[in-house]
């Protein structure tokens, strides 16, 4: 389960680094991790909770995805998230200090 967690966390990060502009990586990575957390919650609701404390459950994965997604959102700036969610081809107005 820990290997699955690592792959599902690292793979979107590597893809985002190669496919997106540098200022869009953190907002995109945050969105991907929140979607993965939602899927982990759905799986956790459908699957029974393990009997042992040592086993990693889907609830643990959902918490990890959410924690890392929040960290990525905090380290990204709001302007970057707006840039990610707006149309890329339209000219942006000049910002004033």
PDB file of N, CA and C in Angstrom:
ATOM      1  N   UNK A   1       0.825  -1.188   0.000  1.00  0.00           N
ATOM      2  CA  UNK A   1       0.000   0.000   0.000  1.00  0.00           C
ATOM      3  C   UNK A   1       0.874   1.258   0.000  1.00  0.00           C
ATOM      4  N   UNK A   2       1.996   1.180   0.688  1.00  0.00           N
ATOM      5  CA  UNK A   2       2.894   2.328   0.730  1.00  0.00           C
ATOM      6  C   UNK A   2       3.511   2.591  -0.645  1.00  0.00           C
ATOM      7  N   UNK A   3       3.758   1.543  -1.402  1.00  0.00           N
ATOM      8  CA  UNK A   3       4.275   1.699  -2.761  1.00  0.00           C
ATOM      9  C   UNK A   3       3.243   2.375  -3.657  1.00  0.00           C
ATOM     10  N   UNK A   4       1.989   1.984  -3.515  1.00  0.00           N
ATOM     11  CA  UNK A   4       0.917   2.610  -4.294  1.00  0.00           C
ATOM     12  C   UNK A   4       0.814   4.088  -3.947  1.00  0.00           C
ATOM     13  N   UNK A   5       0.896   4.402  -2.665  1.00  0.00           N
ATOM     14  CA  UNK A   5       0.856   5.797  -2.224  1.00  0.00           C
ATOM     15  C   UNK A   5       2.002   6.594  -2.836  1.00  0.00           C
ATOM     16  N   UNK A   6       3.196   6.024  -2.809  1.00  0.00           N
ATOM     17  CA  UNK A   6       4.351   6.710  -3.371  1.00  0.00           C
ATOM     18  C   UNK A   6       4.230   6.934  -4.868  1.00  0.00           C
ATOM     19  N   UNK A   7       3.765   5.922  -5.593  1.00  0.00           N
ATOM     20  CA  UNK A   7       3.601   6.055  -7.036  1.00  0.00           C
ATOM     21  C   UNK A   7       2.518   7.067  -7.394  1.00  0.00           C
ATOM     22  N   UNK A   8       1.398   7.027  -6.674  1.00  0.00           N
ATOM     23  CA  UNK A   8       0.311   7.955  -6.971  1.00  0.00           C
ATOM     24  C   UNK A   8       0.652   9.394  -6.587  1.00  0.00           C
ATOM     25  N   UNK A   9       1.632   9.572  -5.731  1.00  0.00           N
ATOM     26  CA  UNK A   9       2.059  10.912  -5.367  1.00  0.00           C
ATOM     27  C   UNK A   9       3.167  11.413  -6.292  1.00  0.00           C
ATOM     28  N   UNK A  10       4.118  10.555  -6.618  1.00  0.00           N
ATOM     29  CA  UNK A  10       5.272  10.977  -7.407  1.00  0.00           C
ATOM     30  C   UNK A  10       4.967  11.086  -8.897  1.00  0.00           C
ATOM     31  N   UNK A  11       4.140  10.205  -9.419  1.00  0.00           N
ATOM     32  CA  UNK A  11       3.868  10.205 -10.855  1.00  0.00           C
ATOM     33  C   UNK A  11       3.225  11.509 -11.348  1.00  0.00           C
ATOM     34  N   UNK A  12       2.182  12.034 -10.676  1.00  0.00           N
ATOM     35  CA  UNK A  12       1.639  13.328 -11.132  1.00  0.00           C
ATOM     36  C   UNK A  12       2.649  14.472 -10.999  1.00  0.00           C
ATOM     37  N   UNK A  13       3.507  14.411  -9.993  1.00  0.00           N
ATOM     38  CA  UNK A  13       4.497  15.474  -9.828  1.00  0.00           C
ATOM     39  C   UNK A  13       5.495  15.480 -10.983  1.00  0.00           C
ATOM     40  N   UNK A  14       5.961  14.305 -11.369  1.00  0.00           N
ATOM     41  CA  UNK A  14       6.920  14.218 -12.472  1.00  0.00           C
ATOM     42  C   UNK A  14       6.261  14.648 -13.783  1.00  0.00           C
ATOM     43  N   UNK A  15       5.035  14.206 -14.015  1.00  0.00           N
ATOM     44  CA  UNK A  15       4.336  14.600 -15.231  1.00  0.00           C
ATOM     45  C   UNK A  15       4.079  16.107 -15.277  1.00  0.00           C
ATOM     46  N   UNK A  16       3.702  16.677 -14.145  1.00  0.00           N
ATOM     47  CA  UNK A  16       3.440  18.118 -14.098  1.00  0.00           C
ATOM     48  C   UNK A  16       4.710  18.921 -14.350  1.00  0.00           C
ATOM     49  N   UNK A  17       5.837  18.442 -13.847  1.00  0.00           N
ATOM     50  CA  UNK A  17       7.096  19.154 -14.069  1.00  0.00           C
ATOM     51  C   UNK A  17       7.483  19.178 -15.543  1.00  0.00           C
ATOM     52  N   UNK A  18       7.162  18.115 -16.258  1.00  0.00           N
ATOM     53  CA  UNK A  18       7.554  18.037 -17.659  1.00  0.00           C
ATOM     54  C   UNK A  18       6.522  18.655 -18.609  1.00  0.00           C
ATOM     55  N   UNK A  19       5.261  18.688 -18.225  1.00  0.00           N
ATOM     56  CA  UNK A  19       4.212  19.125 -19.141  1.00  0.00           C
ATOM     57  C   UNK A  19       3.745  20.561 -18.935  1.00  0.00           C
ATOM     58  N   UNK A  20       3.926  21.118 -17.746  1.00  0.00           N
ATOM     59  CA  UNK A  20       3.391  22.446 -17.446  1.00  0.00           C
ATOM     60  C   UNK A  20       4.505  23.465 -17.254  1.00  0.00           C
ATOM     61  N   UNK A  21       4.104  24.712 -17.327  1.00  0.00           N
ATOM     62  CA  UNK A  21       5.030  25.791 -17.004  1.00  0.00           C
ATOM     63  C   UNK A  21       5.350  25.744 -15.510  1.00  0.00           C
ATOM     64  N   UNK A  22       6.523  26.204 -15.103  1.00  0.00           N
ATOM     65  CA  UNK A  22       6.919  26.081 -13.693  1.00  0.00           C
ATOM     66  C   UNK A  22       5.953  26.727 -12.706  1.00  0.00           C
ATOM     67  N   UNK A  23       5.334  27.853 -13.079  1.00  0.00           N
ATOM     68  CA  UNK A  23       4.438  28.506 -12.119  1.00  0.00           C
ATOM     69  C   UNK A  23       3.095  27.801 -11.979  1.00  0.00           C
ATOM     70  N   UNK A  24       2.803  26.848 -12.855  1.00  0.00           N
ATOM     71  CA  UNK A  24       1.528  26.124 -12.792  1.00  0.00           C
ATOM     72  C   UNK A  24       1.645  24.754 -12.139  1.00  0.00           C
ATOM     73  N   UNK A  25       2.847  24.345 -11.780  1.00  0.00           N
ATOM     74  CA  UNK A  25       3.057  22.991 -11.272  1.00  0.00           C
ATOM     75  C   UNK A  25       2.366  22.787  -9.925  1.00  0.00           C
ATOM     76  N   UNK A  26       2.551  23.692  -8.981  1.00  0.00           N
ATOM     77  CA  UNK A  26       1.963  23.496  -7.650  1.00  0.00           C
ATOM     78  C   UNK A  26       0.434  23.529  -7.655  1.00  0.00           C
ATOM     79  N   UNK A  27      -0.223  24.468  -8.338  1.00  0.00           N
ATOM     80  CA  UNK A  27      -1.688  24.409  -8.364  1.00  0.00           C
ATOM     81  C   UNK A  27      -2.218  23.138  -9.034  1.00  0.00           C
ATOM     82  N   UNK A  28      -1.583  22.703 -10.109  1.00  0.00           N
ATOM     83  CA  UNK A  28      -2.028  21.481 -10.788  1.00  0.00           C
ATOM     84  C   UNK A  28      -1.796  20.260  -9.909  1.00  0.00           C
ATOM     85  N   UNK A  29      -0.651  20.197  -9.256  1.00  0.00           N
ATOM     86  CA  UNK A  29      -0.338  19.078  -8.370  1.00  0.00           C
ATOM     87  C   UNK A  29      -1.313  19.034  -7.197  1.00  0.00           C
ATOM     88  N   UNK A  30      -1.685  20.190  -6.684  1.00  0.00           N
ATOM     89  CA  UNK A  30      -2.651  20.257  -5.589  1.00  0.00           C
ATOM     90  C   UNK A  30      -4.017  19.719  -6.023  1.00  0.00           C
ATOM     91  N   UNK A  31      -4.469  20.122  -7.200  1.00  0.00           N
ATOM     92  CA  UNK A  31      -5.759  19.630  -7.698  1.00  0.00           C
ATOM     93  C   UNK A  31      -5.748  18.120  -7.923  1.00  0.00           C
ATOM     94  N   UNK A  32      -4.664  17.613  -8.478  1.00  0.00           N
ATOM     95  CA  UNK A  32      -4.555  16.168  -8.715  1.00  0.00           C
ATOM     96  C   UNK A  32      -4.594  15.404  -7.390  1.00  0.00           C
ATOM     97  N   UNK A  33      -3.912  15.907  -6.392  1.00  0.00           N
ATOM     98  CA  UNK A  33      -3.905  15.216  -5.100  1.00  0.00           C
ATOM     99  C   UNK A  33      -5.263  15.261  -4.411  1.00  0.00           C
ATOM    100  N   UNK A  34      -6.006  16.343  -4.568  1.00  0.00           N
ATOM    101  CA  UNK A  34      -7.346  16.390  -3.989  1.00  0.00           C
ATOM    102  C   UNK A  34      -8.286  15.408  -4.683  1.00  0.00           C
ATOM    103  N   UNK A  35      -8.114  15.246  -5.993  1.00  0.00           N
ATOM    104  CA  UNK A  35      -8.921  14.252  -6.715  1.00  0.00           C
ATOM    105  C   UNK A  35      -8.546  12.848  -6.261  1.00  0.00           C
ATOM    106  N   UNK A  36      -7.255  12.575  -6.094  1.00  0.00           N
ATOM    107  CA  UNK A  36      -6.827  11.268  -5.596  1.00  0.00           C
ATOM    108  C   UNK A  36      -7.357  11.021  -4.185  1.00  0.00           C
ATOM    109  N   UNK A  37      -7.390  12.046  -3.367  1.00  0.00           N
ATOM    110  CA  UNK A  37      -7.938  11.896  -2.012  1.00  0.00           C
ATOM    111  C   UNK A  37      -9.422  11.556  -2.064  1.00  0.00           C
ATOM    112  N   UNK A  38     -10.148  12.166  -2.987  1.00  0.00           N
ATOM    113  CA  UNK A  38     -11.578  11.855  -3.119  1.00  0.00           C
ATOM    114  C   UNK A  38     -11.782  10.401  -3.534  1.00  0.00           C
ATOM    115  N   UNK A  39     -10.975   9.919  -4.474  1.00  0.00           N
ATOM    116  CA  UNK A  39     -11.085   8.512  -4.865  1.00  0.00           C
ATOM    117  C   UNK A  39     -10.715   7.578  -3.717  1.00  0.00           C
ATOM    118  N   UNK A  40      -9.729   7.958  -2.918  1.00  0.00           N
ATOM    119  CA  UNK A  40      -9.350   7.142  -1.770  1.00  0.00           C
ATOM    120  C   UNK A  40     -10.472   7.101  -0.727  1.00  0.00           C
ATOM    121  N   UNK A  41     -11.180   8.202  -0.551  1.00  0.00           N
ATOM    122  CA  UNK A  41     -12.314   8.225   0.383  1.00  0.00           C
ATOM    123  C   UNK A  41     -13.435   7.317  -0.117  1.00  0.00           C
ATOM    124  N   UNK A  42     -13.696   7.361  -1.417  1.00  0.00           N
ATOM    125  CA  UNK A  42     -14.739   6.478  -1.979  1.00  0.00           C
ATOM    126  C   UNK A  42     -14.365   5.021  -1.767  1.00  0.00           C
ATOM    127  N   UNK A  43     -13.103   4.675  -2.031  1.00  0.00           N
ATOM    128  CA  UNK A  43     -12.656   3.299  -1.797  1.00  0.00           C
ATOM    129  C   UNK A  43     -12.702   2.929  -0.323  1.00  0.00           C
ATOM    130  N   UNK A  44     -12.370   3.876   0.556  1.00  0.00           N
ATOM    131  CA  UNK A  44     -12.404   3.603   1.992  1.00  0.00           C
ATOM    132  C   UNK A  44     -13.824   3.345   2.472  1.00  0.00           C
ATOM    133  N   UNK A  45     -14.789   4.032   1.890  1.00  0.00           N
ATOM    134  CA  UNK A  45     -16.185   3.805   2.273  1.00  0.00           C
ATOM    135  C   UNK A  45     -16.686   2.447   1.795  1.00  0.00           C
ATOM    136  N   UNK A  46     -16.181   1.994   0.653  1.00  0.00           N
ATOM    137  CA  UNK A  46     -16.636   0.724   0.091  1.00  0.00           C
ATOM    138  C   UNK A  46     -15.934  -0.491   0.684  1.00  0.00           C
ATOM    139  N   UNK A  47     -14.694  -0.331   1.135  1.00  0.00           N
ATOM    140  CA  UNK A  47     -13.916  -1.457   1.641  1.00  0.00           C
ATOM    141  C   UNK A  47     -13.976  -1.473   3.166  1.00  0.00           C
ATOM    142  N   UNK A  48     -13.908  -2.656   3.768  1.00  0.00           N
ATOM    143  CA  UNK A  48     -13.920  -2.731   5.237  1.00  0.00           C
ATOM    144  C   UNK A  48     -12.606  -2.225   5.831  1.00  0.00           C
ATOM    145  N   UNK A  49     -12.684  -1.756   7.057  1.00  0.00           N
ATOM    146  CA  UNK A  49     -11.517  -1.267   7.779  1.00  0.00           C
ATOM    147  C   UNK A  49     -10.689  -2.468   8.220  1.00  0.00           C
ATOM    148  N   UNK A  50      -9.342  -2.436   8.048  1.00  0.00           N
ATOM    149  CA  UNK A  50      -8.525  -3.580   8.467  1.00  0.00           C
ATOM    150  C   UNK A  50      -8.592  -3.782   9.983  1.00  0.00           C
ATOM    151  N   UNK A  51      -8.424  -5.037  10.381  1.00  0.00           N
ATOM    152  CA  UNK A  51      -8.522  -5.370  11.799  1.00  0.00           C
ATOM    153  C   UNK A  51      -7.277  -4.970  12.587  1.00  0.00           C
ATOM    154  N   UNK A  52      -6.136  -4.933  11.935  1.00  0.00           N
ATOM    155  CA  UNK A  52      -4.903  -4.611  12.641  1.00  0.00           C
ATOM    156  C   UNK A  52      -4.587  -3.130  12.529  1.00  0.00           C
ATOM    157  N   UNK A  53      -3.885  -2.654  13.500  1.00  0.00           N
ATOM    158  CA  UNK A  53      -3.506  -1.248  13.526  1.00  0.00           C
ATOM    159  C   UNK A  53      -2.325  -1.003  12.580  1.00  0.00           C
ATOM    160  N   UNK A  54      -1.526  -2.029  12.334  1.00  0.00           N
ATOM    161  CA  UNK A  54      -0.327  -1.881  11.511  1.00  0.00           C
ATOM    162  C   UNK A  54      -0.635  -1.710  10.031  1.00  0.00           C
ATOM    163  N   UNK A  55      -1.796  -2.145   9.584  1.00  0.00           N
ATOM    164  CA  UNK A  55      -2.132  -2.066   8.165  1.00  0.00           C
ATOM    165  C   UNK A  55      -2.509  -0.632   7.785  1.00  0.00           C
ATOM    166  N   UNK A  56      -2.098  -0.235   6.587  1.00  0.00           N
ATOM    167  CA  UNK A  56      -2.443   1.091   6.070  1.00  0.00           C
ATOM    168  C   UNK A  56      -3.769   0.971   5.339  1.00  0.00           C
ATOM    169  N   UNK A  57      -4.720   1.813   5.696  1.00  0.00           N
ATOM    170  CA  UNK A  57      -6.039   1.754   5.060  1.00  0.00           C
ATOM    171  C   UNK A  57      -6.165   2.870   4.022  1.00  0.00           C
ATOM    172  N   UNK A  58      -7.273   2.843   3.291  1.00  0.00           N
ATOM    173  CA  UNK A  58      -7.524   3.896   2.320  1.00  0.00           C
ATOM    174  C   UNK A  58      -7.783   5.229   3.004  1.00  0.00           C
ATOM    175  N   UNK A  59      -8.234   5.194   4.251  1.00  0.00           N
ATOM    176  CA  UNK A  59      -8.406   6.443   5.001  1.00  0.00           C
ATOM    177  C   UNK A  59      -7.054   7.113   5.210  1.00  0.00           C
ATOM    178  N   UNK A  60      -6.021   6.297   5.481  1.00  0.00           N
ATOM    179  CA  UNK A  60      -4.677   6.851   5.639  1.00  0.00           C
ATOM    180  C   UNK A  60      -4.189   7.479   4.335  1.00  0.00           C
ATOM    181  N   UNK A  61      -4.456   6.802   3.215  1.00  0.00           N
ATOM    182  CA  UNK A  61      -4.065   7.352   1.919  1.00  0.00           C
ATOM    183  C   UNK A  61      -4.795   8.660   1.634  1.00  0.00           C
ATOM    184  N   UNK A  62      -6.085   8.711   1.935  1.00  0.00           N
ATOM    185  CA  UNK A  62      -6.854   9.938   1.703  1.00  0.00           C
ATOM    186  C   UNK A  62      -6.294  11.084   2.542  1.00  0.00           C
ATOM    187  N   UNK A  63      -5.934  10.807   3.769  1.00  0.00           N
ATOM    188  CA  UNK A  63      -5.340  11.834   4.623  1.00  0.00           C
ATOM    189  C   UNK A  63      -3.992  12.307   4.107  1.00  0.00           C
ATOM    190  N   UNK A  64      -3.181  11.377   3.623  1.00  0.00           N
ATOM    191  CA  UNK A  64      -1.877  11.744   3.071  1.00  0.00           C
ATOM    192  C   UNK A  64      -2.012  12.578   1.816  1.00  0.00           C
ATOM    193  N   UNK A  65      -2.915  12.171   0.909  1.00  0.00           N
ATOM    194  CA  UNK A  65      -3.137  12.950  -0.304  1.00  0.00           C
ATOM    195  C   UNK A  65      -3.631  14.353   0.030  1.00  0.00           C
ATOM    196  N   UNK A  66      -4.534  14.457   0.998  1.00  0.00           N
ATOM    197  CA  UNK A  66      -5.067  15.762   1.374  1.00  0.00           C
ATOM    198  C   UNK A  66      -3.991  16.635   1.996  1.00  0.00           C
ATOM    199  N   UNK A  67      -3.169  16.058   2.860  1.00  0.00           N
ATOM    200  CA  UNK A  67      -2.106  16.817   3.512  1.00  0.00           C
ATOM    201  C   UNK A  67      -1.108  17.354   2.493  1.00  0.00           C
ATOM    202  N   UNK A  68      -0.681  16.516   1.570  1.00  0.00           N
ATOM    203  CA  UNK A  68       0.276  16.961   0.565  1.00  0.00           C
ATOM    204  C   UNK A  68      -0.371  17.962  -0.391  1.00  0.00           C
ATOM    205  N   UNK A  69      -1.648  17.764  -0.723  1.00  0.00           N
ATOM    206  CA  UNK A  69      -2.355  18.714  -1.581  1.00  0.00           C
ATOM    207  C   UNK A  69      -2.489  20.078  -0.929  1.00  0.00           C
ATOM    208  N   UNK A  70      -2.768  20.096   0.371  1.00  0.00           N
ATOM    209  CA  UNK A  70      -2.847  21.378   1.084  1.00  0.00           C
ATOM    210  C   UNK A  70      -1.490  22.068   1.131  1.00  0.00           C
ATOM    211  N   UNK A  71      -0.428  21.288   1.333  1.00  0.00           N
ATOM    212  CA  UNK A  71       0.914  21.869   1.355  1.00  0.00           C
ATOM    213  C   UNK A  71       1.262  22.466  -0.008  1.00  0.00           C
ATOM    214  N   UNK A  72       0.916  21.770  -1.073  1.00  0.00           N
ATOM    215  CA  UNK A  72       1.182  22.308  -2.419  1.00  0.00           C
ATOM    216  C   UNK A  72       0.376  23.574  -2.662  1.00  0.00           C
ATOM    217  N   UNK A  73      -0.859  23.612  -2.163  1.00  0.00           N
ATOM    218  CA  UNK A  73      -1.689  24.801  -2.342  1.00  0.00           C
ATOM    219  C   UNK A  73      -1.153  25.977  -1.525  1.00  0.00           C
ATOM    220  N   UNK A  74      -0.613  25.707  -0.355  1.00  0.00           N
ATOM    221  CA  UNK A  74      -0.075  26.776   0.484  1.00  0.00           C
ATOM    222  C   UNK A  74       1.199  27.353  -0.125  1.00  0.00           C
ATOM    223  N   UNK A  75       2.055  26.488  -0.666  1.00  0.00           N
ATOM    224  CA  UNK A  75       3.311  26.968  -1.240  1.00  0.00           C
ATOM    225  C   UNK A  75       3.109  27.658  -2.585  1.00  0.00           C
ATOM    226  N   UNK A  76       2.022  27.357  -3.267  1.00  0.00           N
ATOM    227  CA  UNK A  76       1.722  28.061  -4.516  1.00  0.00           C
ATOM    228  C   UNK A  76       1.085  29.408  -4.201  1.00  0.00           C
ATOM    229  N   UNK A  77       1.239  30.352  -5.112  1.00  0.00           N
ATOM    230  CA  UNK A  77       0.669  31.679  -4.897  1.00  0.00           C
ATOM    231  C   UNK A  77      -0.714  31.746  -5.538  1.00  0.00           C
ATOM    232  N   UNK A  78      -1.614  32.595  -5.024  1.00  0.00           N
ATOM    233  CA  UNK A  78      -2.961  32.696  -5.597  1.00  0.00           C
ATOM    234  C   UNK A  78      -2.958  33.100  -7.070  1.00  0.00           C
ATOM    235  N   UNK A  79      -2.012  33.932  -7.471  1.00  0.00           N
ATOM    236  CA  UNK A  79      -1.936  34.331  -8.885  1.00  0.00           C
ATOM    237  C   UNK A  79      -1.691  33.123  -9.782  1.00  0.00           C
ATOM    238  N   UNK A  80      -0.921  32.161  -9.284  1.00  0.00           N
ATOM    239  CA  UNK A  80      -0.642  30.966 -10.063  1.00  0.00           C
ATOM    240  C   UNK A  80      -1.899  30.116 -10.234  1.00  0.00           C
ATOM    241  N   UNK A  81      -2.688  30.008  -9.192  1.00  0.00           N
ATOM    242  CA  UNK A  81      -3.931  29.237  -9.281  1.00  0.00           C
ATOM    243  C   UNK A  81      -4.916  29.901 -10.242  1.00  0.00           C
ATOM    244  N   UNK A  82      -4.996  31.220 -10.210  1.00  0.00           N
ATOM    245  CA  UNK A  82      -5.876  31.939 -11.131  1.00  0.00           C
ATOM    246  C   UNK A  82      -5.392  31.742 -12.558  1.00  0.00           C
ATOM    247  N   UNK A  83      -4.090  31.781 -12.759  1.00  0.00           N
ATOM    248  CA  UNK A  83      -3.528  31.554 -14.088  1.00  0.00           C
ATOM    249  C   UNK A  83      -3.843  30.156 -14.585  1.00  0.00           C
ATOM    250  N   UNK A  84      -3.811  29.187 -13.685  1.00  0.00           N
ATOM    251  CA  UNK A  84      -4.104  27.805 -14.059  1.00  0.00           C
ATOM    252  C   UNK A  84      -5.576  27.627 -14.434  1.00  0.00           C
ATOM    253  N   UNK A  85      -6.468  28.336 -13.765  1.00  0.00           N
ATOM    254  CA  UNK A  85      -7.900  28.149 -13.973  1.00  0.00           C
ATOM    255  C   UNK A  85      -8.483  29.049 -15.059  1.00  0.00           C
ATOM    256  N   UNK A  86      -7.756  30.067 -15.489  1.00  0.00           N
ATOM    257  CA  UNK A  86      -8.262  30.953 -16.534  1.00  0.00           C
ATOM    258  C   UNK A  86      -7.786  30.477 -17.896  1.00  0.00           C
ATOM    259  N   UNK A  87      -8.339  31.075 -18.914  1.00  0.00           N
ATOM    260  CA  UNK A  87      -7.968  30.718 -20.277  1.00  0.00           C
ATOM    261  C   UNK A  87      -6.537  31.176 -20.552  1.00  0.00           C
ATOM    262  N   UNK A  88      -5.727  30.283 -21.103  1.00  0.00           N
ATOM    263  CA  UNK A  88      -4.319  30.582 -21.317  1.00  0.00           C
ATOM    264  C   UNK A  88      -4.082  31.517 -22.501  1.00  0.00           C
ATOM    265  N   UNK A  89      -4.941  31.493 -23.518  1.00  0.00           N
ATOM    266  CA  UNK A  89      -4.700  32.259 -24.724  1.00  0.00           C
ATOM    267  C   UNK A  89      -5.082  33.724 -24.620  1.00  0.00           C
ATOM    268  N   UNK A  90      -5.929  34.093 -23.681  1.00  0.00           N
ATOM    269  CA  UNK A  90      -6.399  35.470 -23.572  1.00  0.00           C
ATOM    270  C   UNK A  90      -5.323  36.347 -22.939  1.00  0.00           C
ATOM    271  N   UNK A  91      -5.151  37.566 -23.432  1.00  0.00           N
ATOM    272  CA  UNK A  91      -4.169  38.466 -22.819  1.00  0.00           C
ATOM    273  C   UNK A  91      -4.654  38.898 -21.440  1.00  0.00           C
ATOM    274  N   UNK A  92      -3.726  38.980 -20.525  1.00  0.00           N
ATOM    275  CA  UNK A  92      -4.059  39.390 -19.167  1.00  0.00           C
ATOM    276  C   UNK A  92      -3.786  40.872 -18.997  1.00  0.00           C
ATOM    277  N   UNK A  93      -4.612  41.565 -18.225  1.00  0.00           N
ATOM    278  CA  UNK A  93      -4.321  42.987 -17.966  1.00  0.00           C
ATOM    279  C   UNK A  93      -3.075  43.121 -17.109  1.00  0.00           C
ATOM    280  N   UNK A  94      -2.374  44.220 -17.311  1.00  0.00           N
ATOM    281  CA  UNK A  94      -1.159  44.472 -16.533  1.00  0.00           C
ATOM    282  C   UNK A  94      -1.549  44.730 -15.081  1.00  0.00           C
ATOM    283  N   UNK A  95      -0.816  44.112 -14.168  1.00  0.00           N
ATOM    284  CA  UNK A  95      -1.114  44.311 -12.745  1.00  0.00           C
ATOM    285  C   UNK A  95      -0.417  45.574 -12.258  1.00  0.00           C
ATOM    286  N   UNK A  96      -1.071  46.219 -11.319  1.00  0.00           N
ATOM    287  CA  UNK A  96      -0.516  47.446 -10.747  1.00  0.00           C
ATOM    288  C   UNK A  96       0.027  47.148  -9.367  1.00  0.00           C
ATOM    289  N   UNK A  97       1.128  47.807  -8.986  1.00  0.00           N
ATOM    290  CA  UNK A  97       1.704  47.574  -7.659  1.00  0.00           C
ATOM    291  C   UNK A  97       0.890  48.123  -6.544  1.00  0.00           C
TER     292      UNK A  97
END
